[in-house]
N, C-alpha and C. Protein backbone atom coordinates (compact mmCIF):
# COMPACT_ATOMS: atom_id res chain seq x y z
N MET A 1 60.88 104.70 4.70
CA MET A 1 60.51 106.08 5.02
C MET A 1 59.01 106.15 5.35
N ASP A 2 58.67 106.86 6.39
CA ASP A 2 57.26 107.04 6.76
C ASP A 2 56.71 108.24 5.99
N PHE A 3 56.16 107.96 4.80
CA PHE A 3 55.69 109.04 3.93
C PHE A 3 54.54 109.83 4.55
N ALA A 4 53.65 109.15 5.26
CA ALA A 4 52.51 109.84 5.87
C ALA A 4 52.98 110.86 6.89
N ALA A 5 53.95 110.48 7.71
CA ALA A 5 54.49 111.42 8.70
C ALA A 5 55.23 112.56 8.03
N ALA A 6 55.98 112.24 6.98
CA ALA A 6 56.71 113.27 6.25
C ALA A 6 55.75 114.25 5.58
N ARG A 7 54.64 113.72 5.07
CA ARG A 7 53.63 114.58 4.43
C ARG A 7 52.98 115.51 5.45
N ALA A 8 52.65 114.98 6.61
CA ALA A 8 52.04 115.81 7.65
C ALA A 8 53.00 116.91 8.10
N ALA A 9 54.27 116.56 8.24
CA ALA A 9 55.27 117.55 8.63
C ALA A 9 55.43 118.61 7.54
N MET A 10 55.38 118.18 6.27
CA MET A 10 55.49 119.13 5.16
C MET A 10 54.36 120.15 5.22
N VAL A 11 53.14 119.67 5.46
CA VAL A 11 52.00 120.59 5.50
C VAL A 11 52.18 121.62 6.60
N GLU A 12 52.61 121.20 7.77
CA GLU A 12 52.76 122.12 8.90
C GLU A 12 53.93 123.08 8.71
N ARG A 13 55.08 122.55 8.30
CA ARG A 13 56.30 123.36 8.27
C ARG A 13 56.46 124.18 6.99
N GLN A 14 55.99 123.64 5.87
CA GLN A 14 56.20 124.33 4.60
C GLN A 14 54.95 125.09 4.12
N ILE A 15 53.78 124.64 4.52
CA ILE A 15 52.54 125.22 3.98
C ILE A 15 51.86 126.13 5.01
N VAL A 16 51.46 125.56 6.14
CA VAL A 16 50.79 126.36 7.17
C VAL A 16 51.70 127.46 7.69
N ALA A 17 52.96 127.13 7.95
CA ALA A 17 53.89 128.10 8.52
C ALA A 17 54.13 129.29 7.60
N ARG A 18 53.85 129.13 6.30
CA ARG A 18 54.04 130.24 5.36
C ARG A 18 52.73 130.99 5.08
N GLY A 19 51.68 130.65 5.81
CA GLY A 19 50.47 131.45 5.69
C GLY A 19 49.35 130.89 4.86
N ILE A 20 49.51 129.71 4.29
CA ILE A 20 48.40 129.10 3.55
C ILE A 20 47.35 128.64 4.56
N ALA A 21 46.12 129.11 4.38
CA ALA A 21 45.08 128.86 5.38
C ALA A 21 43.82 128.21 4.83
N ASP A 22 43.66 128.15 3.51
CA ASP A 22 42.43 127.57 2.95
C ASP A 22 42.31 126.11 3.39
N PRO A 23 41.23 125.76 4.09
CA PRO A 23 41.12 124.38 4.61
C PRO A 23 41.06 123.32 3.52
N HIS A 24 40.50 123.66 2.37
CA HIS A 24 40.44 122.70 1.26
C HIS A 24 41.84 122.42 0.72
N VAL A 25 42.65 123.47 0.61
CA VAL A 25 44.02 123.31 0.12
C VAL A 25 44.84 122.50 1.12
N LEU A 26 44.73 122.83 2.38
CA LEU A 26 45.50 122.10 3.40
C LEU A 26 45.11 120.63 3.45
N ALA A 27 43.81 120.35 3.33
CA ALA A 27 43.37 118.96 3.34
C ALA A 27 43.92 118.21 2.14
N ALA A 28 43.87 118.84 0.96
CA ALA A 28 44.36 118.19 -0.26
C ALA A 28 45.86 117.93 -0.18
N MET A 29 46.62 118.90 0.33
CA MET A 29 48.06 118.72 0.46
C MET A 29 48.39 117.60 1.43
N GLY A 30 47.54 117.39 2.42
CA GLY A 30 47.77 116.32 3.37
C GLY A 30 47.31 114.96 2.90
N GLU A 31 46.45 114.94 1.87
CA GLU A 31 45.88 113.68 1.38
C GLU A 31 46.64 113.10 0.18
N VAL A 32 47.13 113.95 -0.70
CA VAL A 32 47.75 113.47 -1.93
C VAL A 32 49.17 112.95 -1.66
N ALA A 33 49.41 111.72 -2.04
CA ALA A 33 50.71 111.07 -1.81
C ALA A 33 51.71 111.55 -2.85
N ARG A 34 52.52 112.52 -2.50
CA ARG A 34 53.49 113.07 -3.45
C ARG A 34 54.48 112.01 -3.92
N GLU A 35 54.72 111.01 -3.08
CA GLU A 35 55.66 109.96 -3.45
C GLU A 35 55.22 109.20 -4.69
N ALA A 36 53.93 109.25 -5.02
CA ALA A 36 53.42 108.56 -6.22
C ALA A 36 53.71 109.34 -7.49
N PHE A 37 54.25 110.56 -7.34
CA PHE A 37 54.45 111.43 -8.50
C PHE A 37 55.91 111.77 -8.76
N VAL A 38 56.82 111.18 -8.01
CA VAL A 38 58.25 111.43 -8.23
C VAL A 38 58.93 110.15 -8.71
N PRO A 39 59.99 110.25 -9.48
CA PRO A 39 60.71 109.06 -9.95
C PRO A 39 61.31 108.29 -8.77
N PRO A 40 61.53 107.00 -8.91
CA PRO A 40 62.10 106.19 -7.83
C PRO A 40 63.38 106.76 -7.24
N ALA A 41 64.22 107.33 -8.08
CA ALA A 41 65.50 107.85 -7.60
C ALA A 41 65.33 109.05 -6.68
N GLN A 42 64.16 109.67 -6.68
CA GLN A 42 63.92 110.86 -5.88
C GLN A 42 63.05 110.61 -4.65
N LEU A 43 62.68 109.35 -4.41
CA LEU A 43 61.74 109.06 -3.33
C LEU A 43 62.20 109.57 -1.97
N ALA A 44 63.48 109.46 -1.68
CA ALA A 44 63.98 109.90 -0.38
C ALA A 44 63.85 111.42 -0.20
N ARG A 45 63.68 112.14 -1.30
CA ARG A 45 63.58 113.61 -1.26
C ARG A 45 62.15 114.09 -1.47
N THR A 46 61.19 113.18 -1.45
CA THR A 46 59.81 113.49 -1.82
C THR A 46 59.26 114.74 -1.16
N TYR A 47 59.45 114.89 0.12
CA TYR A 47 58.83 116.00 0.85
C TYR A 47 59.81 117.11 1.21
N GLU A 48 60.89 117.21 0.44
CA GLU A 48 61.81 118.34 0.61
C GLU A 48 61.13 119.64 0.20
N ASP A 49 61.64 120.74 0.73
CA ASP A 49 61.08 122.06 0.48
C ASP A 49 61.67 122.66 -0.79
N GLY A 50 61.34 122.05 -1.91
CA GLY A 50 61.87 122.53 -3.19
C GLY A 50 61.39 121.66 -4.33
N PRO A 51 61.67 122.07 -5.57
CA PRO A 51 61.30 121.26 -6.73
C PRO A 51 62.21 120.05 -6.86
N LEU A 52 61.76 119.04 -7.60
CA LEU A 52 62.55 117.84 -7.82
C LEU A 52 62.53 117.49 -9.30
N PRO A 53 63.60 116.89 -9.82
CA PRO A 53 63.62 116.49 -11.23
C PRO A 53 62.68 115.31 -11.48
N ILE A 54 62.02 115.35 -12.63
CA ILE A 54 61.19 114.23 -13.08
C ILE A 54 61.59 113.88 -14.50
N GLU A 55 60.81 113.05 -15.15
CA GLU A 55 61.11 112.61 -16.51
C GLU A 55 61.08 113.80 -17.50
N ALA A 56 61.65 113.56 -18.69
CA ALA A 56 61.65 114.52 -19.80
C ALA A 56 62.38 115.82 -19.45
N GLY A 57 63.29 115.75 -18.47
CA GLY A 57 64.06 116.93 -18.11
C GLY A 57 63.26 118.01 -17.43
N GLN A 58 62.11 117.68 -16.87
CA GLN A 58 61.24 118.66 -16.22
C GLN A 58 61.31 118.51 -14.70
N THR A 59 60.48 119.27 -13.99
CA THR A 59 60.50 119.22 -12.53
C THR A 59 59.08 119.13 -11.98
N ILE A 60 58.99 118.62 -10.75
CA ILE A 60 57.76 118.69 -9.98
C ILE A 60 57.93 119.88 -9.04
N SER A 61 56.95 120.76 -9.00
CA SER A 61 57.07 122.01 -8.27
C SER A 61 57.19 121.81 -6.77
N GLN A 62 57.80 122.79 -6.12
CA GLN A 62 57.88 122.86 -4.67
C GLN A 62 56.46 122.79 -4.08
N PRO A 63 56.23 121.98 -3.04
CA PRO A 63 54.89 121.86 -2.47
C PRO A 63 54.25 123.20 -2.11
N TYR A 64 55.03 124.10 -1.52
CA TYR A 64 54.47 125.40 -1.13
C TYR A 64 53.94 126.17 -2.33
N ILE A 65 54.67 126.15 -3.44
CA ILE A 65 54.23 126.88 -4.62
C ILE A 65 52.93 126.30 -5.17
N VAL A 66 52.80 124.98 -5.14
CA VAL A 66 51.56 124.35 -5.57
C VAL A 66 50.40 124.83 -4.69
N ALA A 67 50.60 124.79 -3.38
CA ALA A 67 49.56 125.22 -2.45
C ALA A 67 49.22 126.69 -2.64
N LEU A 68 50.24 127.52 -2.81
CA LEU A 68 50.03 128.96 -3.01
C LEU A 68 49.20 129.24 -4.25
N MET A 69 49.52 128.57 -5.36
CA MET A 69 48.81 128.81 -6.61
C MET A 69 47.36 128.35 -6.52
N VAL A 70 47.14 127.19 -5.89
CA VAL A 70 45.76 126.68 -5.78
C VAL A 70 44.93 127.61 -4.89
N GLU A 71 45.51 128.07 -3.78
CA GLU A 71 44.78 129.00 -2.92
C GLU A 71 44.54 130.32 -3.63
N ALA A 72 45.56 130.84 -4.31
CA ALA A 72 45.43 132.13 -4.98
C ALA A 72 44.38 132.10 -6.08
N ALA A 73 44.22 130.95 -6.72
CA ALA A 73 43.23 130.82 -7.80
C ALA A 73 41.81 130.66 -7.26
N GLY A 74 41.67 130.55 -5.94
CA GLY A 74 40.35 130.43 -5.35
C GLY A 74 39.63 129.14 -5.70
N VAL A 75 40.38 128.07 -5.91
CA VAL A 75 39.76 126.79 -6.28
C VAL A 75 38.89 126.29 -5.13
N ALA A 76 37.64 125.98 -5.45
CA ALA A 76 36.67 125.58 -4.42
C ALA A 76 35.89 124.36 -4.90
N PRO A 77 35.24 123.66 -3.97
CA PRO A 77 34.41 122.53 -4.37
C PRO A 77 33.38 122.95 -5.41
N GLY A 78 33.21 122.09 -6.42
CA GLY A 78 32.28 122.39 -7.50
C GLY A 78 32.91 123.08 -8.69
N ALA A 79 34.16 123.52 -8.56
CA ALA A 79 34.81 124.27 -9.63
C ALA A 79 35.24 123.39 -10.79
N THR A 80 35.34 124.02 -11.95
CA THR A 80 35.95 123.42 -13.13
C THR A 80 37.25 124.17 -13.37
N VAL A 81 38.36 123.41 -13.43
CA VAL A 81 39.69 124.03 -13.42
C VAL A 81 40.52 123.56 -14.61
N LEU A 82 41.30 124.48 -15.16
CA LEU A 82 42.26 124.16 -16.21
C LEU A 82 43.66 124.35 -15.66
N GLU A 83 44.51 123.34 -15.82
CA GLU A 83 45.92 123.47 -15.47
C GLU A 83 46.75 123.37 -16.73
N ILE A 84 47.73 124.25 -16.87
CA ILE A 84 48.62 124.26 -18.01
C ILE A 84 50.01 123.85 -17.53
N GLY A 85 50.49 122.74 -18.05
CA GLY A 85 51.77 122.20 -17.60
C GLY A 85 51.57 121.16 -16.53
N ALA A 86 50.97 120.03 -16.90
CA ALA A 86 50.61 119.00 -15.92
C ALA A 86 51.83 118.36 -15.27
N GLY A 87 52.94 118.23 -16.03
CA GLY A 87 54.13 117.62 -15.47
C GLY A 87 53.86 116.21 -14.96
N SER A 88 54.18 115.97 -13.71
CA SER A 88 53.99 114.64 -13.12
C SER A 88 52.53 114.36 -12.80
N GLY A 89 51.70 115.41 -12.74
CA GLY A 89 50.30 115.25 -12.37
C GLY A 89 50.03 115.59 -10.91
N TYR A 90 51.07 115.95 -10.15
CA TYR A 90 50.89 116.21 -8.72
C TYR A 90 49.92 117.36 -8.45
N ALA A 91 50.14 118.50 -9.08
CA ALA A 91 49.24 119.64 -8.86
C ALA A 91 47.83 119.33 -9.32
N ALA A 92 47.71 118.59 -10.43
CA ALA A 92 46.38 118.21 -10.92
C ALA A 92 45.67 117.34 -9.90
N ALA A 93 46.42 116.47 -9.22
CA ALA A 93 45.82 115.63 -8.18
C ALA A 93 45.36 116.48 -6.99
N ILE A 94 46.16 117.47 -6.60
CA ILE A 94 45.75 118.39 -5.55
C ILE A 94 44.46 119.09 -5.94
N LEU A 95 44.43 119.60 -7.16
CA LEU A 95 43.22 120.26 -7.66
C LEU A 95 42.04 119.30 -7.67
N GLY A 96 42.31 118.05 -8.04
CA GLY A 96 41.25 117.06 -8.13
C GLY A 96 40.63 116.70 -6.79
N ARG A 97 41.36 116.94 -5.69
CA ARG A 97 40.81 116.69 -4.37
C ARG A 97 39.85 117.79 -3.94
N ILE A 98 39.86 118.90 -4.67
CA ILE A 98 39.00 120.04 -4.32
C ILE A 98 37.92 120.28 -5.37
N ALA A 99 38.32 120.42 -6.62
CA ALA A 99 37.40 120.77 -7.70
C ALA A 99 36.58 119.57 -8.17
N SER A 100 35.52 119.87 -8.89
CA SER A 100 34.70 118.80 -9.47
C SER A 100 35.31 118.25 -10.74
N ARG A 101 35.98 119.11 -11.51
CA ARG A 101 36.51 118.71 -12.81
C ARG A 101 37.82 119.44 -13.06
N VAL A 102 38.85 118.68 -13.46
CA VAL A 102 40.16 119.26 -13.76
C VAL A 102 40.62 118.75 -15.12
N VAL A 103 41.00 119.68 -15.98
CA VAL A 103 41.66 119.34 -17.24
C VAL A 103 43.09 119.86 -17.14
N ALA A 104 44.07 118.98 -17.29
CA ALA A 104 45.47 119.37 -17.19
C ALA A 104 46.17 119.04 -18.50
N ILE A 105 46.77 120.05 -19.11
CA ILE A 105 47.40 119.90 -20.43
C ILE A 105 48.92 119.80 -20.26
N GLU A 106 49.53 118.86 -20.96
CA GLU A 106 50.97 118.67 -20.91
C GLU A 106 51.52 118.52 -22.33
N ARG A 107 52.55 119.30 -22.67
CA ARG A 107 53.06 119.26 -24.04
C ARG A 107 54.03 118.11 -24.29
N HIS A 108 54.63 117.55 -23.22
CA HIS A 108 55.52 116.40 -23.38
C HIS A 108 54.70 115.12 -23.35
N ALA A 109 54.70 114.38 -24.44
CA ALA A 109 53.88 113.17 -24.54
C ALA A 109 54.23 112.17 -23.44
N GLU A 110 55.53 112.01 -23.15
CA GLU A 110 55.94 111.06 -22.12
C GLU A 110 55.33 111.41 -20.77
N LEU A 111 55.38 112.69 -20.40
CA LEU A 111 54.83 113.12 -19.12
C LEU A 111 53.32 112.98 -19.09
N ALA A 112 52.67 113.30 -20.21
CA ALA A 112 51.21 113.19 -20.27
C ALA A 112 50.77 111.74 -20.06
N GLU A 113 51.49 110.82 -20.69
CA GLU A 113 51.14 109.40 -20.55
C GLU A 113 51.36 108.91 -19.12
N LEU A 114 52.48 109.30 -18.52
CA LEU A 114 52.77 108.88 -17.15
C LEU A 114 51.76 109.48 -16.17
N ALA A 115 51.44 110.76 -16.34
CA ALA A 115 50.49 111.40 -15.44
C ALA A 115 49.10 110.80 -15.57
N ALA A 116 48.68 110.53 -16.81
CA ALA A 116 47.36 109.92 -17.02
C ALA A 116 47.29 108.54 -16.38
N ALA A 117 48.37 107.77 -16.49
CA ALA A 117 48.41 106.44 -15.86
C ALA A 117 48.32 106.55 -14.35
N ARG A 118 48.99 107.55 -13.78
CA ARG A 118 48.91 107.75 -12.33
C ARG A 118 47.48 108.07 -11.90
N MET A 119 46.81 108.92 -12.66
CA MET A 119 45.44 109.28 -12.30
C MET A 119 44.53 108.06 -12.30
N ARG A 120 44.72 107.20 -13.30
CA ARG A 120 43.90 105.98 -13.35
C ARG A 120 44.22 105.07 -12.18
N ARG A 121 45.49 104.91 -11.89
CA ARG A 121 45.91 104.01 -10.82
C ARG A 121 45.47 104.51 -9.45
N LEU A 122 45.49 105.82 -9.26
CA LEU A 122 45.16 106.40 -7.96
C LEU A 122 43.68 106.73 -7.81
N GLY A 123 42.92 106.57 -8.89
CA GLY A 123 41.48 106.76 -8.81
C GLY A 123 41.00 108.19 -8.92
N TYR A 124 41.77 109.05 -9.58
CA TYR A 124 41.35 110.43 -9.79
C TYR A 124 40.50 110.52 -11.06
N GLY A 125 39.26 110.05 -10.95
CA GLY A 125 38.39 110.01 -12.12
C GLY A 125 37.92 111.36 -12.61
N ASN A 126 38.06 112.39 -11.79
CA ASN A 126 37.62 113.73 -12.19
C ASN A 126 38.75 114.57 -12.78
N VAL A 127 39.92 113.94 -12.97
CA VAL A 127 41.07 114.64 -13.55
C VAL A 127 41.41 114.02 -14.90
N GLU A 128 41.44 114.86 -15.93
CA GLU A 128 41.80 114.39 -17.27
C GLU A 128 43.13 115.02 -17.68
N ILE A 129 44.10 114.19 -18.03
CA ILE A 129 45.39 114.66 -18.53
C ILE A 129 45.37 114.57 -20.05
N VAL A 130 45.65 115.67 -20.71
CA VAL A 130 45.64 115.68 -22.17
C VAL A 130 46.99 116.15 -22.69
N HIS A 131 47.39 115.60 -23.83
CA HIS A 131 48.64 115.98 -24.48
C HIS A 131 48.34 117.06 -25.50
N GLY A 132 48.98 118.22 -25.37
CA GLY A 132 48.71 119.28 -26.33
C GLY A 132 49.43 120.57 -25.97
N ASP A 133 49.07 121.63 -26.68
CA ASP A 133 49.65 122.96 -26.51
C ASP A 133 48.85 123.70 -25.44
N GLY A 134 49.39 123.76 -24.23
CA GLY A 134 48.68 124.39 -23.14
C GLY A 134 48.47 125.88 -23.32
N SER A 135 49.32 126.53 -24.11
CA SER A 135 49.17 127.97 -24.29
C SER A 135 47.86 128.32 -24.98
N ALA A 136 47.25 127.35 -25.64
CA ALA A 136 45.96 127.58 -26.32
C ALA A 136 44.78 127.28 -25.41
N GLY A 137 45.05 126.76 -24.21
CA GLY A 137 43.97 126.42 -23.30
C GLY A 137 43.20 125.20 -23.76
N TRP A 138 41.95 125.12 -23.34
CA TRP A 138 41.09 123.99 -23.67
C TRP A 138 39.67 124.52 -23.91
N PRO A 139 39.45 125.17 -25.07
CA PRO A 139 38.18 125.85 -25.32
C PRO A 139 36.95 124.96 -25.29
N ASP A 140 37.13 123.64 -25.53
CA ASP A 140 35.97 122.75 -25.55
C ASP A 140 35.22 122.72 -24.22
N GLU A 141 35.92 123.01 -23.11
CA GLU A 141 35.26 122.96 -21.80
C GLU A 141 35.23 124.32 -21.10
N ALA A 142 35.61 125.37 -21.80
CA ALA A 142 35.55 126.71 -21.23
C ALA A 142 34.08 127.15 -21.11
N PRO A 143 33.79 128.08 -20.18
CA PRO A 143 34.71 128.82 -19.34
C PRO A 143 35.08 128.05 -18.08
N PHE A 144 36.26 128.38 -17.54
CA PHE A 144 36.77 127.74 -16.33
C PHE A 144 36.65 128.69 -15.13
N ASP A 145 36.43 128.10 -13.96
CA ASP A 145 36.39 128.89 -12.73
C ASP A 145 37.78 129.33 -12.32
N ALA A 146 38.78 128.53 -12.68
CA ALA A 146 40.17 128.86 -12.35
C ALA A 146 41.09 128.27 -13.40
N ILE A 147 42.16 128.99 -13.70
CA ILE A 147 43.20 128.52 -14.62
C ILE A 147 44.54 128.71 -13.93
N LEU A 148 45.35 127.66 -13.89
CA LEU A 148 46.68 127.73 -13.29
C LEU A 148 47.70 127.33 -14.34
N ALA A 149 48.71 128.15 -14.53
CA ALA A 149 49.76 127.86 -15.50
C ALA A 149 51.08 127.64 -14.79
N ALA A 150 51.65 126.44 -14.94
CA ALA A 150 52.93 126.11 -14.32
C ALA A 150 54.06 126.31 -15.31
N ALA A 151 53.99 127.42 -16.05
CA ALA A 151 55.02 127.78 -17.02
C ALA A 151 54.92 129.29 -17.24
N SER A 152 56.06 129.93 -17.46
CA SER A 152 56.10 131.38 -17.51
C SER A 152 55.97 131.91 -18.94
N GLY A 153 55.31 133.05 -19.05
CA GLY A 153 55.17 133.71 -20.33
C GLY A 153 55.59 135.16 -20.24
N SER A 154 55.77 135.78 -21.37
CA SER A 154 56.08 137.21 -21.40
C SER A 154 54.83 138.03 -21.12
N HIS A 155 53.67 137.38 -21.22
CA HIS A 155 52.38 138.01 -21.03
C HIS A 155 51.36 136.91 -20.75
N VAL A 156 50.18 137.28 -20.33
CA VAL A 156 49.10 136.31 -20.19
C VAL A 156 48.38 136.22 -21.53
N PRO A 157 48.41 135.07 -22.18
CA PRO A 157 47.77 134.96 -23.50
C PRO A 157 46.28 135.30 -23.44
N GLN A 158 45.83 136.10 -24.39
CA GLN A 158 44.42 136.49 -24.43
C GLN A 158 43.52 135.27 -24.57
N VAL A 159 43.99 134.24 -25.26
CA VAL A 159 43.17 133.04 -25.45
C VAL A 159 42.86 132.38 -24.11
N LEU A 160 43.75 132.51 -23.13
CA LEU A 160 43.48 131.97 -21.81
C LEU A 160 42.50 132.87 -21.04
N LEU A 161 42.68 134.17 -21.14
CA LEU A 161 41.75 135.08 -20.49
C LEU A 161 40.34 134.89 -21.01
N ASP A 162 40.23 134.62 -22.30
CA ASP A 162 38.91 134.42 -22.92
C ASP A 162 38.21 133.17 -22.37
N GLN A 163 39.00 132.23 -21.84
CA GLN A 163 38.43 130.97 -21.33
C GLN A 163 38.15 131.01 -19.83
N LEU A 164 38.32 132.17 -19.24
CA LEU A 164 38.08 132.33 -17.80
C LEU A 164 36.66 132.85 -17.57
N ARG A 165 35.96 132.21 -16.66
CA ARG A 165 34.61 132.64 -16.32
C ARG A 165 34.65 134.01 -15.62
N VAL A 166 33.64 134.84 -15.82
CA VAL A 166 33.55 136.10 -15.09
C VAL A 166 33.51 135.78 -13.59
N GLY A 167 34.40 136.40 -12.85
CA GLY A 167 34.56 136.09 -11.43
C GLY A 167 35.65 135.07 -11.17
N GLY A 168 36.14 134.43 -12.24
CA GLY A 168 37.19 133.43 -12.11
C GLY A 168 38.57 134.07 -12.03
N GLN A 169 39.55 133.24 -11.66
CA GLN A 169 40.91 133.75 -11.46
C GLN A 169 41.94 132.88 -12.16
N LEU A 170 42.92 133.54 -12.77
CA LEU A 170 44.03 132.87 -13.44
C LEU A 170 45.30 133.19 -12.68
N VAL A 171 46.13 132.18 -12.42
CA VAL A 171 47.41 132.38 -11.74
C VAL A 171 48.51 131.87 -12.66
N MET A 172 49.51 132.74 -12.91
CA MET A 172 50.54 132.40 -13.89
C MET A 172 51.80 133.23 -13.63
N PRO A 173 52.99 132.64 -13.81
CA PRO A 173 54.23 133.41 -13.70
C PRO A 173 54.49 134.20 -14.98
N ILE A 174 54.88 135.46 -14.82
CA ILE A 174 55.17 136.33 -15.96
C ILE A 174 56.62 136.82 -15.85
N GLY A 175 57.37 136.67 -16.94
CA GLY A 175 58.75 137.12 -16.95
C GLY A 175 59.58 136.34 -17.94
N GLY A 176 60.83 136.71 -18.07
CA GLY A 176 61.72 136.09 -19.03
C GLY A 176 62.08 134.66 -18.67
N THR A 177 62.65 133.96 -19.64
CA THR A 177 62.92 132.53 -19.46
C THR A 177 64.13 132.25 -18.59
N HIS A 178 65.01 133.21 -18.41
CA HIS A 178 66.22 132.98 -17.61
C HIS A 178 66.34 134.00 -16.49
N GLU A 179 65.20 134.35 -15.89
CA GLU A 179 65.21 135.34 -14.82
C GLU A 179 64.12 135.02 -13.81
N ILE A 180 64.17 135.70 -12.68
CA ILE A 180 63.10 135.57 -11.69
C ILE A 180 61.83 136.16 -12.28
N GLN A 181 60.74 135.44 -12.13
CA GLN A 181 59.46 135.89 -12.70
C GLN A 181 58.52 136.36 -11.60
N ASP A 182 57.43 136.97 -12.01
CA ASP A 182 56.43 137.49 -11.09
C ASP A 182 55.18 136.62 -11.19
N LEU A 183 54.82 135.97 -10.08
CA LEU A 183 53.59 135.19 -10.07
C LEU A 183 52.42 136.16 -9.94
N VAL A 184 51.52 136.15 -10.91
CA VAL A 184 50.42 137.10 -10.92
C VAL A 184 49.08 136.38 -10.86
N ARG A 185 48.09 137.10 -10.34
CA ARG A 185 46.72 136.61 -10.34
C ARG A 185 45.88 137.61 -11.14
N VAL A 186 45.15 137.08 -12.12
CA VAL A 186 44.27 137.90 -12.93
C VAL A 186 42.83 137.47 -12.65
N THR A 187 41.99 138.41 -12.27
CA THR A 187 40.58 138.14 -12.01
C THR A 187 39.74 138.75 -13.12
N ARG A 188 38.86 137.94 -13.68
CA ARG A 188 37.95 138.47 -14.71
C ARG A 188 36.75 139.08 -14.00
N VAL A 189 36.68 140.40 -13.96
CA VAL A 189 35.63 141.08 -13.22
C VAL A 189 34.41 141.39 -14.07
N ASP A 190 34.57 141.33 -15.39
CA ASP A 190 33.45 141.52 -16.32
C ASP A 190 33.85 140.92 -17.65
N THR A 191 32.95 140.96 -18.62
CA THR A 191 33.23 140.33 -19.91
C THR A 191 34.54 140.82 -20.51
N ASP A 192 34.78 142.12 -20.45
CA ASP A 192 35.98 142.69 -21.04
C ASP A 192 36.85 143.41 -20.02
N ALA A 193 36.73 143.06 -18.75
CA ALA A 193 37.49 143.75 -17.71
C ALA A 193 38.22 142.74 -16.83
N PHE A 194 39.51 143.01 -16.62
CA PHE A 194 40.35 142.13 -15.82
C PHE A 194 41.15 142.95 -14.82
N GLU A 195 41.36 142.39 -13.63
CA GLU A 195 42.21 143.02 -12.63
C GLU A 195 43.41 142.11 -12.37
N ARG A 196 44.59 142.71 -12.29
CA ARG A 196 45.81 141.93 -12.13
C ARG A 196 46.56 142.36 -10.87
N GLU A 197 47.09 141.39 -10.14
CA GLU A 197 47.87 141.69 -8.95
C GLU A 197 49.08 140.77 -8.88
N SER A 198 50.15 141.29 -8.29
CA SER A 198 51.38 140.53 -8.13
C SER A 198 51.35 139.76 -6.82
N LEU A 199 51.82 138.51 -6.84
CA LEU A 199 51.80 137.67 -5.65
C LEU A 199 53.18 137.49 -5.03
N CYS A 200 54.16 137.04 -5.83
CA CYS A 200 55.50 136.81 -5.28
C CYS A 200 56.45 136.46 -6.42
N PRO A 201 57.77 136.54 -6.18
CA PRO A 201 58.75 136.12 -7.18
C PRO A 201 58.84 134.60 -7.25
N VAL A 202 58.98 134.06 -8.45
CA VAL A 202 59.07 132.62 -8.66
C VAL A 202 60.02 132.35 -9.83
N ARG A 203 60.30 131.08 -10.06
CA ARG A 203 61.06 130.70 -11.26
C ARG A 203 60.43 129.43 -11.84
N PHE A 204 59.94 129.53 -13.09
CA PHE A 204 59.30 128.42 -13.78
C PHE A 204 59.92 128.23 -15.15
N VAL A 205 59.72 127.06 -15.71
CA VAL A 205 60.11 126.81 -17.10
C VAL A 205 59.23 127.67 -18.01
N PRO A 206 59.68 127.95 -19.24
CA PRO A 206 58.89 128.80 -20.13
C PRO A 206 57.66 128.11 -20.70
N LEU A 207 56.63 128.91 -20.94
CA LEU A 207 55.43 128.43 -21.61
C LEU A 207 55.72 128.36 -23.11
N ILE A 208 55.77 127.14 -23.63
CA ILE A 208 56.07 126.93 -25.04
C ILE A 208 54.77 126.63 -25.78
N GLY A 209 54.54 127.33 -26.90
CA GLY A 209 53.33 127.07 -27.67
C GLY A 209 52.96 128.23 -28.55
N ALA A 210 51.87 128.09 -29.26
CA ALA A 210 51.44 129.11 -30.21
C ALA A 210 51.20 130.46 -29.56
N ALA A 211 50.71 130.46 -28.32
CA ALA A 211 50.46 131.70 -27.61
C ALA A 211 51.51 131.95 -26.52
N GLY A 212 52.60 131.18 -26.57
CA GLY A 212 53.67 131.33 -25.59
C GLY A 212 54.89 131.93 -26.23
N TRP A 213 56.07 131.37 -25.90
CA TRP A 213 57.31 131.96 -26.36
C TRP A 213 57.58 131.73 -27.85
N THR A 214 56.82 130.85 -28.49
CA THR A 214 57.02 130.67 -29.94
C THR A 214 56.04 131.49 -30.75
N GLY A 215 55.18 132.25 -30.08
CA GLY A 215 54.19 133.05 -30.80
C GLY A 215 53.49 133.98 -29.84
N LYS A 216 52.52 134.72 -30.32
CA LYS A 216 51.80 135.69 -29.51
C LYS A 216 50.34 135.29 -29.34
């Protein structure tokens, strides 16, 4: 399979054609080899327009949704970014092609280990994969210019909002665990002021953790 050609076609047909225009996002989507982030059994489906199964019973997100979230979060060169739900590490790698520093949290130890190994092998030295409760964020390196959550909650945890820099943006799906959710963008406009807007309907796995579905 010609992965480079398939990747270029994916960017044009799935990303550009749906309105994604940020040049940094488009460049990253065209540079990151998605085939390095899917299990061997899924290689032939690498650039399909949809999510794919990965280890630990989880999925790698649809390429368009990854691009949409990164663009919506306003990720730019020089940014420090937090990702919640690293999964295979694909979105973290996309972020790593744009931002200066990326911390990606994954609650499944198996996935965290695999993603961290991929980052080392592929040379993403500015991306750190950590095993932990993503619903609590990563206060040691806060505030973040952007926070992206690849898991749905009933609400946006205050602990995550507290870790967002003024002017920064958080993108996260909100809704029940067995229903279509609403992808929202929250912008911190002042120390205690936030603006929220709806982006589109999505379906994600639930955010599990102290500030997720197991707690408030």
